[in-house]
Amino acid sequence: MEWINKDAEISDIVKKGIRSLPQRVNKLKEAIKDKNVKKIKYYSHNLKGIASNLHMEEIYLLSKQLCEEAQKEKYNKKNIDKILTDIETICFNIPNYYLKK
């Protein structure tokens, strides 16, 4: 991601997006804990969008899976929890890796 340092404005936008990942995941986690399907859909879609904008394909795909699972009339809680765990693992490590400099 060396390319982000070449343009100060782009760098600021990307870094802000990266810093926001843990907060976004926490909101999604809370929605899942509360079994609030509307918020699960909202926050998974929100995370999918930021992942797409930052070209974070793995997070994008996981968020998409989560969003699709939440769309089901009777979603599978185990699937939701597994996807969330995968998202957390990635999203909580990205800021430490890319913003440590």
Foldseek 3Di string as FASTA:
>chain_A
DVVCVVDVVSVVVLLVLLVCLVVLLVQLVVCLVVVPLVSVLVSLVVQLVSCVVNVVVVSNVLSVVSNVQSPDPDHDSVSNVVSSVVSCVPSVVRSCVPVVD
